[in-house]
Amino acid sequence: MGRTKTIDRDAVLDAAGAIIHASGAAALTIDAVARAAGISKGGVQSCFGTKDALIDALFERWSASYEQCFHAVAGPAAGPRTRVRAHAEATRRSDAVSSAKAAGLMAALLQSPEHLGSTRAWYAGRLAGLGAQSAADRRARLAFYATEGAFMLRFFGLLEIDATEWDALFGDVAGLLDDLPDAAA
């Protein structure tokens, strides 16, 4: 009879997220996660197999939280401009710890061609339907780029943006999106 699994997968993910938050994506190793979680390297590998699978699980966890907020704002069958509004609002609402973890995960994900492709596809999906011909679409794309730029600057530690400035910045982003009718979904 085999032993019952005693490793809490969520606790291992919490430990990995804490490493990224404290020391950045470069510090994320199977060994570091094992030490932080108080288990063996084999225990981490039995939960996730590889570092890439661990990163995938971390990103899926963060993504689920983001998507829940995104869909609460966007609603079903959102058009392209509504998707940008929802993305900006989900980014604005995310707490600093979650966003810092997400930024670290993005840095780790982008090191692999496999992850780079899925990240590119995600961005393309967020911008789908926004053309260069329409002034309204160009404003929506600008709002999206401003959202992503602010996220990257703040959470990669390139620029200190406090909570007051963060909210003001997203007020400006919302202003870019005000009065823009949504294009067809």
N, C-alpha and C. Protein backbone atom coordinates (compact mmCIF):
# COMPACT_ATOMS: atom_id res chain seq x y z
N MET A 1 0.85 -1.17 0.00
CA MET A 1 0.00 0.00 0.00
C MET A 1 0.90 1.23 0.00
N GLY A 2 0.63 2.19 -0.90
CA GLY A 2 1.43 3.41 -1.03
C GLY A 2 1.12 4.41 0.07
N ARG A 3 2.07 5.32 0.25
CA ARG A 3 1.88 6.38 1.24
C ARG A 3 0.88 7.40 0.74
N THR A 4 0.14 7.97 1.65
CA THR A 4 -0.79 9.04 1.32
C THR A 4 0.00 10.32 1.07
N LYS A 5 -0.40 11.05 0.04
CA LYS A 5 0.26 12.32 -0.26
C LYS A 5 0.04 13.29 0.90
N THR A 6 1.13 13.89 1.36
CA THR A 6 1.01 14.83 2.48
C THR A 6 1.48 16.23 2.10
N ILE A 7 1.90 16.42 0.87
CA ILE A 7 2.39 17.72 0.44
C ILE A 7 1.21 18.56 -0.05
N ASP A 8 1.09 19.72 0.52
CA ASP A 8 0.02 20.65 0.15
C ASP A 8 0.50 21.48 -1.05
N ARG A 9 -0.07 21.20 -2.20
CA ARG A 9 0.32 21.86 -3.45
C ARG A 9 0.18 23.38 -3.35
N ASP A 10 -0.90 23.85 -2.73
CA ASP A 10 -1.10 25.29 -2.57
C ASP A 10 -0.02 25.91 -1.69
N ALA A 11 0.40 25.18 -0.67
CA ALA A 11 1.47 25.70 0.21
C ALA A 11 2.78 25.80 -0.56
N VAL A 12 3.03 24.86 -1.45
CA VAL A 12 4.25 24.91 -2.27
C VAL A 12 4.17 26.11 -3.22
N LEU A 13 3.00 26.34 -3.80
CA LEU A 13 2.82 27.51 -4.66
C LEU A 13 2.97 28.80 -3.87
N ASP A 14 2.47 28.83 -2.64
CA ASP A 14 2.65 30.00 -1.78
C ASP A 14 4.13 30.26 -1.54
N ALA A 15 4.89 29.20 -1.27
CA ALA A 15 6.33 29.34 -1.03
C ALA A 15 7.03 29.87 -2.28
N ALA A 16 6.66 29.34 -3.44
CA ALA A 16 7.27 29.80 -4.69
C ALA A 16 6.92 31.27 -4.94
N GLY A 17 5.68 31.64 -4.70
CA GLY A 17 5.28 33.03 -4.87
C GLY A 17 6.01 33.95 -3.93
N ALA A 18 6.25 33.50 -2.71
CA ALA A 18 6.98 34.32 -1.74
C ALA A 18 8.43 34.53 -2.19
N ILE A 19 9.03 33.51 -2.79
CA ILE A 19 10.40 33.65 -3.31
C ILE A 19 10.44 34.70 -4.40
N ILE A 20 9.50 34.63 -5.33
CA ILE A 20 9.46 35.60 -6.43
C ILE A 20 9.26 37.00 -5.88
N HIS A 21 8.35 37.13 -4.93
CA HIS A 21 8.06 38.45 -4.35
C HIS A 21 9.28 39.02 -3.63
N ALA A 22 9.97 38.18 -2.89
CA ALA A 22 11.10 38.65 -2.08
C ALA A 22 12.38 38.83 -2.89
N SER A 23 12.62 37.92 -3.85
CA SER A 23 13.94 37.91 -4.49
C SER A 23 13.92 37.94 -6.02
N GLY A 24 12.73 37.94 -6.60
CA GLY A 24 12.64 37.98 -8.06
C GLY A 24 12.61 36.60 -8.69
N ALA A 25 12.29 36.58 -9.98
CA ALA A 25 12.12 35.32 -10.70
C ALA A 25 13.41 34.52 -10.79
N ALA A 26 14.56 35.19 -10.81
CA ALA A 26 15.83 34.47 -10.94
C ALA A 26 16.10 33.58 -9.73
N ALA A 27 15.52 33.91 -8.58
CA ALA A 27 15.74 33.12 -7.36
C ALA A 27 14.85 31.88 -7.29
N LEU A 28 13.93 31.75 -8.22
CA LEU A 28 13.00 30.62 -8.20
C LEU A 28 13.69 29.37 -8.73
N THR A 29 14.03 28.48 -7.83
CA THR A 29 14.59 27.17 -8.19
C THR A 29 13.82 26.12 -7.41
N ILE A 30 13.90 24.89 -7.89
CA ILE A 30 13.25 23.78 -7.18
C ILE A 30 13.82 23.68 -5.77
N ASP A 31 15.13 23.84 -5.64
CA ASP A 31 15.77 23.75 -4.34
C ASP A 31 15.28 24.85 -3.40
N ALA A 32 15.20 26.08 -3.91
CA ALA A 32 14.74 27.20 -3.07
C ALA A 32 13.28 27.00 -2.64
N VAL A 33 12.46 26.51 -3.53
CA VAL A 33 11.06 26.26 -3.19
C VAL A 33 10.96 25.16 -2.14
N ALA A 34 11.76 24.11 -2.30
CA ALA A 34 11.75 23.02 -1.33
C ALA A 34 12.14 23.53 0.06
N ARG A 35 13.21 24.32 0.13
CA ARG A 35 13.63 24.87 1.43
C ARG A 35 12.52 25.74 2.02
N ALA A 36 11.95 26.62 1.20
CA ALA A 36 10.92 27.54 1.70
C ALA A 36 9.66 26.79 2.15
N ALA A 37 9.34 25.71 1.48
CA ALA A 37 8.14 24.94 1.82
C ALA A 37 8.40 23.89 2.90
N GLY A 38 9.68 23.70 3.23
CA GLY A 38 10.02 22.72 4.25
C GLY A 38 9.84 21.28 3.80
N ILE A 39 10.09 21.05 2.51
CA ILE A 39 9.97 19.70 1.96
C ILE A 39 11.22 19.40 1.14
N SER A 40 11.33 18.21 0.64
CA SER A 40 12.48 17.84 -0.18
C SER A 40 12.30 18.32 -1.62
N LYS A 41 13.42 18.37 -2.34
CA LYS A 41 13.34 18.70 -3.77
C LYS A 41 12.44 17.69 -4.48
N GLY A 42 12.56 16.43 -4.08
CA GLY A 42 11.72 15.38 -4.66
C GLY A 42 10.25 15.63 -4.41
N GLY A 43 9.94 16.23 -3.26
CA GLY A 43 8.54 16.56 -2.95
C GLY A 43 8.00 17.62 -3.91
N VAL A 44 8.83 18.62 -4.19
CA VAL A 44 8.42 19.66 -5.14
C VAL A 44 8.25 19.02 -6.52
N GLN A 45 9.21 18.18 -6.89
CA GLN A 45 9.14 17.55 -8.20
C GLN A 45 7.97 16.58 -8.30
N SER A 46 7.59 15.96 -7.20
CA SER A 46 6.43 15.06 -7.27
C SER A 46 5.13 15.85 -7.47
N CYS A 47 5.11 17.09 -6.96
CA CYS A 47 3.92 17.94 -7.16
C CYS A 47 3.87 18.52 -8.56
N PHE A 48 5.02 18.96 -9.09
CA PHE A 48 5.03 19.74 -10.32
C PHE A 48 5.88 19.15 -11.44
N GLY A 49 6.79 18.27 -11.11
CA GLY A 49 7.64 17.68 -12.14
C GLY A 49 8.85 18.54 -12.45
N THR A 50 8.63 19.70 -13.04
CA THR A 50 9.73 20.56 -13.47
C THR A 50 9.50 22.00 -13.01
N LYS A 51 10.54 22.79 -13.11
CA LYS A 51 10.42 24.21 -12.79
C LYS A 51 9.41 24.88 -13.73
N ASP A 52 9.43 24.51 -15.00
CA ASP A 52 8.46 25.08 -15.95
C ASP A 52 7.03 24.76 -15.54
N ALA A 53 6.80 23.54 -15.09
CA ALA A 53 5.45 23.17 -14.65
C ALA A 53 5.06 23.95 -13.39
N LEU A 54 6.02 24.19 -12.51
CA LEU A 54 5.77 25.00 -11.32
C LEU A 54 5.40 26.43 -11.73
N ILE A 55 6.16 26.98 -12.67
CA ILE A 55 5.87 28.34 -13.17
C ILE A 55 4.49 28.37 -13.82
N ASP A 56 4.18 27.34 -14.60
CA ASP A 56 2.84 27.26 -15.22
C ASP A 56 1.75 27.29 -14.16
N ALA A 57 1.94 26.52 -13.09
CA ALA A 57 0.93 26.46 -12.02
C ALA A 57 0.80 27.80 -11.31
N LEU A 58 1.92 28.47 -11.08
CA LEU A 58 1.87 29.80 -10.46
C LEU A 58 1.13 30.78 -11.36
N PHE A 59 1.43 30.75 -12.64
CA PHE A 59 0.79 31.68 -13.57
C PHE A 59 -0.69 31.37 -13.69
N GLU A 60 -1.05 30.10 -13.72
CA GLU A 60 -2.47 29.73 -13.78
C GLU A 60 -3.22 30.23 -12.55
N ARG A 61 -2.59 30.14 -11.40
CA ARG A 61 -3.22 30.62 -10.17
C ARG A 61 -3.44 32.13 -10.24
N TRP A 62 -2.41 32.88 -10.61
CA TRP A 62 -2.55 34.34 -10.73
C TRP A 62 -3.57 34.68 -11.81
N SER A 63 -3.49 33.98 -12.93
CA SER A 63 -4.37 34.26 -14.06
C SER A 63 -5.84 34.05 -13.69
N ALA A 64 -6.13 33.03 -12.91
CA ALA A 64 -7.51 32.77 -12.49
C ALA A 64 -8.06 33.94 -11.68
N SER A 65 -7.25 34.50 -10.81
CA SER A 65 -7.67 35.66 -10.02
C SER A 65 -7.92 36.87 -10.91
N TYR A 66 -6.99 37.12 -11.83
CA TYR A 66 -7.13 38.23 -12.77
C TYR A 66 -8.38 38.04 -13.63
N GLU A 67 -8.56 36.84 -14.17
CA GLU A 67 -9.69 36.58 -15.07
C GLU A 67 -11.03 36.75 -14.36
N GLN A 68 -11.09 36.39 -13.09
CA GLN A 68 -12.33 36.57 -12.33
C GLN A 68 -12.70 38.05 -12.28
N CYS A 69 -11.74 38.89 -11.97
CA CYS A 69 -11.99 40.33 -11.93
C CYS A 69 -12.30 40.85 -13.33
N PHE A 70 -11.54 40.42 -14.32
CA PHE A 70 -11.74 40.85 -15.71
C PHE A 70 -13.18 40.56 -16.16
N HIS A 71 -13.63 39.33 -15.93
CA HIS A 71 -14.97 38.95 -16.40
C HIS A 71 -16.08 39.63 -15.60
N ALA A 72 -15.81 39.95 -14.35
CA ALA A 72 -16.80 40.69 -13.56
C ALA A 72 -17.02 42.08 -14.14
N VAL A 73 -15.96 42.68 -14.68
CA VAL A 73 -16.08 44.01 -15.29
C VAL A 73 -16.58 43.90 -16.73
N ALA A 74 -16.02 42.96 -17.49
CA ALA A 74 -16.34 42.86 -18.92
C ALA A 74 -17.71 42.28 -19.19
N GLY A 75 -18.11 41.31 -18.38
CA GLY A 75 -19.35 40.62 -18.66
C GLY A 75 -19.19 39.67 -19.83
N PRO A 76 -20.27 38.98 -20.20
CA PRO A 76 -20.19 38.02 -21.30
C PRO A 76 -20.13 38.72 -22.65
N ALA A 77 -19.43 38.13 -23.58
CA ALA A 77 -19.36 38.60 -24.96
C ALA A 77 -18.97 40.07 -25.08
N ALA A 78 -17.94 40.47 -24.34
CA ALA A 78 -17.49 41.86 -24.39
C ALA A 78 -16.81 42.16 -25.72
N GLY A 79 -17.06 43.36 -26.20
CA GLY A 79 -16.38 43.83 -27.39
C GLY A 79 -14.97 44.27 -27.08
N PRO A 80 -14.20 44.63 -28.10
CA PRO A 80 -12.79 44.95 -27.90
C PRO A 80 -12.53 46.12 -26.95
N ARG A 81 -13.31 47.17 -27.02
CA ARG A 81 -13.07 48.32 -26.14
C ARG A 81 -13.46 48.00 -24.70
N THR A 82 -14.51 47.21 -24.53
CA THR A 82 -14.89 46.78 -23.18
C THR A 82 -13.82 45.87 -22.60
N ARG A 83 -13.19 45.03 -23.43
CA ARG A 83 -12.09 44.19 -22.94
C ARG A 83 -10.94 45.05 -22.43
N VAL A 84 -10.65 46.15 -23.12
CA VAL A 84 -9.58 47.05 -22.66
C VAL A 84 -9.99 47.69 -21.33
N ARG A 85 -11.24 48.15 -21.22
CA ARG A 85 -11.73 48.73 -19.96
C ARG A 85 -11.59 47.72 -18.82
N ALA A 86 -12.00 46.49 -19.08
CA ALA A 86 -11.95 45.45 -18.06
C ALA A 86 -10.50 45.12 -17.69
N HIS A 87 -9.62 45.10 -18.67
CA HIS A 87 -8.21 44.83 -18.39
C HIS A 87 -7.62 45.93 -17.51
N ALA A 88 -7.90 47.18 -17.85
CA ALA A 88 -7.39 48.30 -17.06
C ALA A 88 -7.93 48.23 -15.63
N GLU A 89 -9.20 47.93 -15.48
CA GLU A 89 -9.79 47.88 -14.15
C GLU A 89 -9.26 46.69 -13.34
N ALA A 90 -9.10 45.54 -13.98
CA ALA A 90 -8.54 44.38 -13.28
C ALA A 90 -7.10 44.66 -12.84
N THR A 91 -6.35 45.35 -13.68
CA THR A 91 -4.98 45.71 -13.32
C THR A 91 -4.97 46.71 -12.18
N ARG A 92 -5.84 47.71 -12.24
CA ARG A 92 -5.92 48.71 -11.18
C ARG A 92 -6.27 48.07 -9.85
N ARG A 93 -7.20 47.13 -9.86
CA ARG A 93 -7.69 46.51 -8.62
C ARG A 93 -6.72 45.51 -8.00
N SER A 94 -5.81 44.98 -8.79
CA SER A 94 -4.95 43.92 -8.24
C SER A 94 -4.09 44.48 -7.12
N ASP A 95 -3.94 43.69 -6.08
CA ASP A 95 -3.14 44.15 -4.96
C ASP A 95 -1.66 44.08 -5.31
N ALA A 96 -0.86 44.84 -4.58
CA ALA A 96 0.57 44.97 -4.89
C ALA A 96 1.30 43.64 -4.82
N VAL A 97 0.99 42.81 -3.84
CA VAL A 97 1.69 41.53 -3.72
C VAL A 97 1.37 40.63 -4.91
N SER A 98 0.10 40.53 -5.27
CA SER A 98 -0.28 39.69 -6.42
C SER A 98 0.34 40.21 -7.70
N SER A 99 0.35 41.51 -7.88
CA SER A 99 0.91 42.09 -9.10
C SER A 99 2.42 41.91 -9.15
N ALA A 100 3.10 42.03 -8.03
CA ALA A 100 4.54 41.81 -8.01
C ALA A 100 4.86 40.35 -8.35
N LYS A 101 4.05 39.43 -7.84
CA LYS A 101 4.24 38.02 -8.18
C LYS A 101 3.99 37.81 -9.66
N ALA A 102 2.95 38.43 -10.19
CA ALA A 102 2.63 38.28 -11.62
C ALA A 102 3.77 38.82 -12.47
N ALA A 103 4.34 39.95 -12.10
CA ALA A 103 5.46 40.51 -12.85
C ALA A 103 6.65 39.56 -12.82
N GLY A 104 6.93 39.00 -11.66
CA GLY A 104 8.02 38.03 -11.56
C GLY A 104 7.76 36.80 -12.41
N LEU A 105 6.52 36.35 -12.39
CA LEU A 105 6.16 35.20 -13.21
C LEU A 105 6.31 35.53 -14.69
N MET A 106 5.89 36.72 -15.07
CA MET A 106 6.04 37.11 -16.48
C MET A 106 7.51 37.08 -16.89
N ALA A 107 8.37 37.58 -16.02
CA ALA A 107 9.80 37.57 -16.32
C ALA A 107 10.29 36.13 -16.51
N ALA A 108 9.84 35.24 -15.65
CA ALA A 108 10.23 33.84 -15.75
C ALA A 108 9.63 33.19 -17.00
N LEU A 109 8.37 33.48 -17.27
CA LEU A 109 7.71 32.89 -18.43
C LEU A 109 8.35 33.30 -19.74
N LEU A 110 8.78 34.54 -19.81
CA LEU A 110 9.30 35.05 -21.06
C LEU A 110 10.68 34.49 -21.40
N GLN A 111 11.28 33.75 -20.50
CA GLN A 111 12.58 33.14 -20.76
C GLN A 111 12.46 31.90 -21.63
N SER A 112 11.26 31.41 -21.82
CA SER A 112 11.06 30.18 -22.58
C SER A 112 10.22 30.47 -23.82
N PRO A 113 10.67 30.01 -24.99
CA PRO A 113 9.90 30.24 -26.22
C PRO A 113 8.46 29.73 -26.12
N GLU A 114 8.26 28.61 -25.43
CA GLU A 114 6.91 28.06 -25.27
C GLU A 114 6.02 29.05 -24.54
N HIS A 115 6.53 29.63 -23.47
CA HIS A 115 5.75 30.58 -22.70
C HIS A 115 5.62 31.91 -23.42
N LEU A 116 6.63 32.29 -24.15
CA LEU A 116 6.57 33.53 -24.90
C LEU A 116 5.42 33.48 -25.91
N GLY A 117 5.25 32.35 -26.57
CA GLY A 117 4.17 32.20 -27.54
C GLY A 117 2.79 32.34 -26.90
N SER A 118 2.59 31.72 -25.75
CA SER A 118 1.28 31.81 -25.11
C SER A 118 1.03 33.21 -24.57
N THR A 119 2.07 33.88 -24.12
CA THR A 119 1.92 35.26 -23.65
C THR A 119 1.58 36.18 -24.82
N ARG A 120 2.25 35.99 -25.93
CA ARG A 120 1.92 36.79 -27.13
C ARG A 120 0.47 36.56 -27.57
N ALA A 121 0.04 35.32 -27.52
CA ALA A 121 -1.34 35.01 -27.91
C ALA A 121 -2.33 35.68 -26.96
N TRP A 122 -2.02 35.70 -25.66
CA TRP A 122 -2.89 36.34 -24.69
C TRP A 122 -3.02 37.83 -25.00
N TYR A 123 -1.89 38.49 -25.24
CA TYR A 123 -1.93 39.92 -25.59
C TYR A 123 -2.69 40.16 -26.89
N ALA A 124 -2.47 39.33 -27.88
CA ALA A 124 -3.19 39.48 -29.14
C ALA A 124 -4.70 39.35 -28.92
N GLY A 125 -5.10 38.44 -28.06
CA GLY A 125 -6.52 38.27 -27.75
C GLY A 125 -7.11 39.49 -27.07
N ARG A 126 -6.35 40.12 -26.19
CA ARG A 126 -6.84 41.32 -25.51
C ARG A 126 -7.01 42.48 -26.49
N LEU A 127 -6.19 42.51 -27.53
CA LEU A 127 -6.25 43.62 -28.49
C LEU A 127 -7.05 43.27 -29.76
N ALA A 128 -7.53 42.05 -29.83
CA ALA A 128 -8.26 41.62 -31.03
C ALA A 128 -9.45 42.54 -31.29
N GLY A 129 -9.61 42.90 -32.54
CA GLY A 129 -10.74 43.73 -32.94
C GLY A 129 -10.47 45.22 -32.88
N LEU A 130 -9.31 45.62 -32.38
CA LEU A 130 -8.98 47.05 -32.34
C LEU A 130 -8.07 47.37 -33.53
N GLY A 131 -8.61 48.10 -34.48
CA GLY A 131 -7.85 48.42 -35.68
C GLY A 131 -7.13 49.75 -35.56
N ALA A 132 -6.33 50.04 -36.56
CA ALA A 132 -5.58 51.30 -36.58
C ALA A 132 -6.33 52.41 -37.29
N GLN A 133 -7.43 52.10 -37.94
CA GLN A 133 -8.15 53.11 -38.72
C GLN A 133 -9.07 53.97 -37.88
N SER A 134 -9.66 53.41 -36.84
CA SER A 134 -10.63 54.11 -36.03
C SER A 134 -9.95 54.89 -34.91
N ALA A 135 -10.33 56.16 -34.74
CA ALA A 135 -9.78 56.97 -33.65
C ALA A 135 -10.14 56.36 -32.29
N ALA A 136 -11.35 55.81 -32.17
CA ALA A 136 -11.77 55.19 -30.92
C ALA A 136 -10.93 53.95 -30.61
N ASP A 137 -10.66 53.15 -31.63
CA ASP A 137 -9.81 51.97 -31.42
C ASP A 137 -8.39 52.37 -31.05
N ARG A 138 -7.87 53.41 -31.68
CA ARG A 138 -6.52 53.89 -31.34
C ARG A 138 -6.46 54.36 -29.89
N ARG A 139 -7.50 55.05 -29.41
CA ARG A 139 -7.54 55.49 -28.00
C ARG A 139 -7.60 54.29 -27.07
N ALA A 140 -8.37 53.28 -27.43
CA ALA A 140 -8.46 52.07 -26.61
C ALA A 140 -7.11 51.35 -26.57
N ARG A 141 -6.43 51.26 -27.70
CA ARG A 141 -5.10 50.63 -27.72
C ARG A 141 -4.13 51.43 -26.87
N LEU A 142 -4.19 52.76 -26.95
CA LEU A 142 -3.33 53.61 -26.12
C LEU A 142 -3.59 53.36 -24.64
N ALA A 143 -4.85 53.23 -24.26
CA ALA A 143 -5.20 52.94 -22.86
C ALA A 143 -4.63 51.58 -22.44
N PHE A 144 -4.71 50.59 -23.33
CA PHE A 144 -4.15 49.27 -23.03
C PHE A 144 -2.64 49.36 -22.84
N TYR A 145 -1.96 50.03 -23.76
CA TYR A 145 -0.50 50.17 -23.66
C TYR A 145 -0.10 50.94 -22.41
N ALA A 146 -0.87 51.95 -22.05
CA ALA A 146 -0.59 52.72 -20.82
C ALA A 146 -0.76 51.82 -19.59
N THR A 147 -1.79 51.00 -19.60
CA THR A 147 -2.02 50.06 -18.49
C THR A 147 -0.84 49.11 -18.34
N GLU A 148 -0.43 48.51 -19.43
CA GLU A 148 0.68 47.57 -19.39
C GLU A 148 1.99 48.26 -19.02
N GLY A 149 2.21 49.46 -19.56
CA GLY A 149 3.43 50.20 -19.23
C GLY A 149 3.50 50.52 -17.74
N ALA A 150 2.40 50.98 -17.19
CA ALA A 150 2.37 51.31 -15.76
C ALA A 150 2.61 50.05 -14.92
N PHE A 151 1.96 48.95 -15.30
CA PHE A 151 2.15 47.69 -14.60
C PHE A 151 3.62 47.29 -14.60
N MET A 152 4.24 47.30 -15.78
CA MET A 152 5.64 46.88 -15.90
C MET A 152 6.56 47.81 -15.11
N LEU A 153 6.37 49.11 -15.24
CA LEU A 153 7.22 50.06 -14.53
C LEU A 153 7.13 49.87 -13.02
N ARG A 154 5.90 49.74 -12.53
CA ARG A 154 5.71 49.63 -11.08
C ARG A 154 6.21 48.30 -10.52
N PHE A 155 5.84 47.22 -11.15
CA PHE A 155 6.08 45.93 -10.54
C PHE A 155 7.39 45.27 -10.95
N PHE A 156 8.09 45.84 -11.91
CA PHE A 156 9.48 45.42 -12.14
C PHE A 156 10.42 46.32 -11.37
N GLY A 157 9.85 47.24 -10.57
CA GLY A 157 10.64 48.10 -9.71
C GLY A 157 11.40 49.18 -10.46
N LEU A 158 10.94 49.54 -11.64
CA LEU A 158 11.61 50.56 -12.44
C LEU A 158 11.17 51.97 -12.08
N LEU A 159 10.00 52.09 -11.47
CA LEU A 159 9.47 53.39 -11.08
C LEU A 159 8.57 53.20 -9.88
N GLU A 160 8.79 54.01 -8.87
CA GLU A 160 7.92 53.94 -7.70
C GLU A 160 6.62 54.68 -8.00
N ILE A 161 5.52 53.95 -7.92
CA ILE A 161 4.20 54.53 -8.12
C ILE A 161 3.39 54.16 -6.89
N ASP A 162 3.10 55.16 -6.04
CA ASP A 162 2.35 54.86 -4.82
C ASP A 162 0.87 54.69 -5.15
N ALA A 163 0.09 54.29 -4.16
CA ALA A 163 -1.33 53.98 -4.37
C ALA A 163 -2.11 55.17 -4.89
N THR A 164 -1.79 56.36 -4.41
CA THR A 164 -2.51 57.56 -4.86
C THR A 164 -2.23 57.83 -6.33
N GLU A 165 -0.96 57.75 -6.71
CA GLU A 165 -0.61 57.98 -8.11
C GLU A 165 -1.17 56.87 -9.00
N TRP A 166 -1.17 55.63 -8.47
CA TRP A 166 -1.71 54.48 -9.22
C TRP A 166 -3.18 54.72 -9.55
N ASP A 167 -3.95 55.12 -8.55
CA ASP A 167 -5.37 55.39 -8.78
C ASP A 167 -5.57 56.56 -9.74
N ALA A 168 -4.75 57.61 -9.60
CA ALA A 168 -4.85 58.76 -10.50
C ALA A 168 -4.51 58.36 -11.93
N LEU A 169 -3.48 57.54 -12.09
CA LEU A 169 -3.08 57.08 -13.41
C LEU A 169 -4.23 56.31 -14.07
N PHE A 170 -4.88 55.45 -13.28
CA PHE A 170 -5.97 54.67 -13.87
C PHE A 170 -7.23 55.52 -14.07
N GLY A 171 -7.33 56.62 -13.36
CA GLY A 171 -8.38 57.59 -13.67
C GLY A 171 -8.13 58.19 -15.05
N ASP A 172 -6.87 58.48 -15.34
CA ASP A 172 -6.51 59.00 -16.67
C ASP A 172 -6.76 57.97 -17.75
N VAL A 173 -6.42 56.71 -17.48
CA VAL A 173 -6.67 55.64 -18.44
C VAL A 173 -8.17 55.52 -18.70
N ALA A 174 -8.97 55.56 -17.63
CA ALA A 174 -10.43 55.50 -17.79
C ALA A 174 -10.91 56.67 -18.63
N GLY A 175 -10.28 57.84 -18.46
CA GLY A 175 -10.65 59.00 -19.26
C GLY A 175 -10.43 58.77 -20.76
N LEU A 176 -9.38 58.04 -21.10
CA LEU A 176 -9.15 57.71 -22.50
C LEU A 176 -10.28 56.84 -23.06
N LEU A 177 -10.88 56.05 -22.17
CA LEU A 177 -11.92 55.11 -22.60
C LEU A 177 -13.33 55.66 -22.47
N ASP A 178 -13.47 56.77 -21.76
CA ASP A 178 -14.79 57.38 -21.60
C ASP A 178 -15.41 57.71 -22.95
N ASP A 179 -16.67 57.52 -23.04
CA ASP A 179 -17.45 57.88 -24.23
C ASP A 179 -17.06 57.13 -25.49
N LEU A 180 -16.33 56.03 -25.33
CA LEU A 180 -16.02 55.21 -26.51
C LEU A 180 -17.08 54.11 -26.59
N PRO A 181 -17.88 54.14 -27.63
CA PRO A 181 -18.82 53.02 -27.79
C PRO A 181 -18.02 51.76 -28.09
N ASP A 182 -18.55 50.63 -27.69
CA ASP A 182 -17.83 49.39 -27.96
C ASP A 182 -18.09 48.96 -29.39
N ALA A 183 -17.02 48.45 -30.01
CA ALA A 183 -17.17 47.86 -31.34
C ALA A 183 -17.81 46.50 -31.16
N ALA A 184 -18.23 45.91 -32.21
CA ALA A 184 -18.86 44.60 -32.14
C ALA A 184 -17.88 43.59 -31.56
N ALA A 185 -18.38 42.68 -30.76
CA ALA A 185 -17.54 41.66 -30.12
C ALA A 185 -17.00 40.69 -31.14
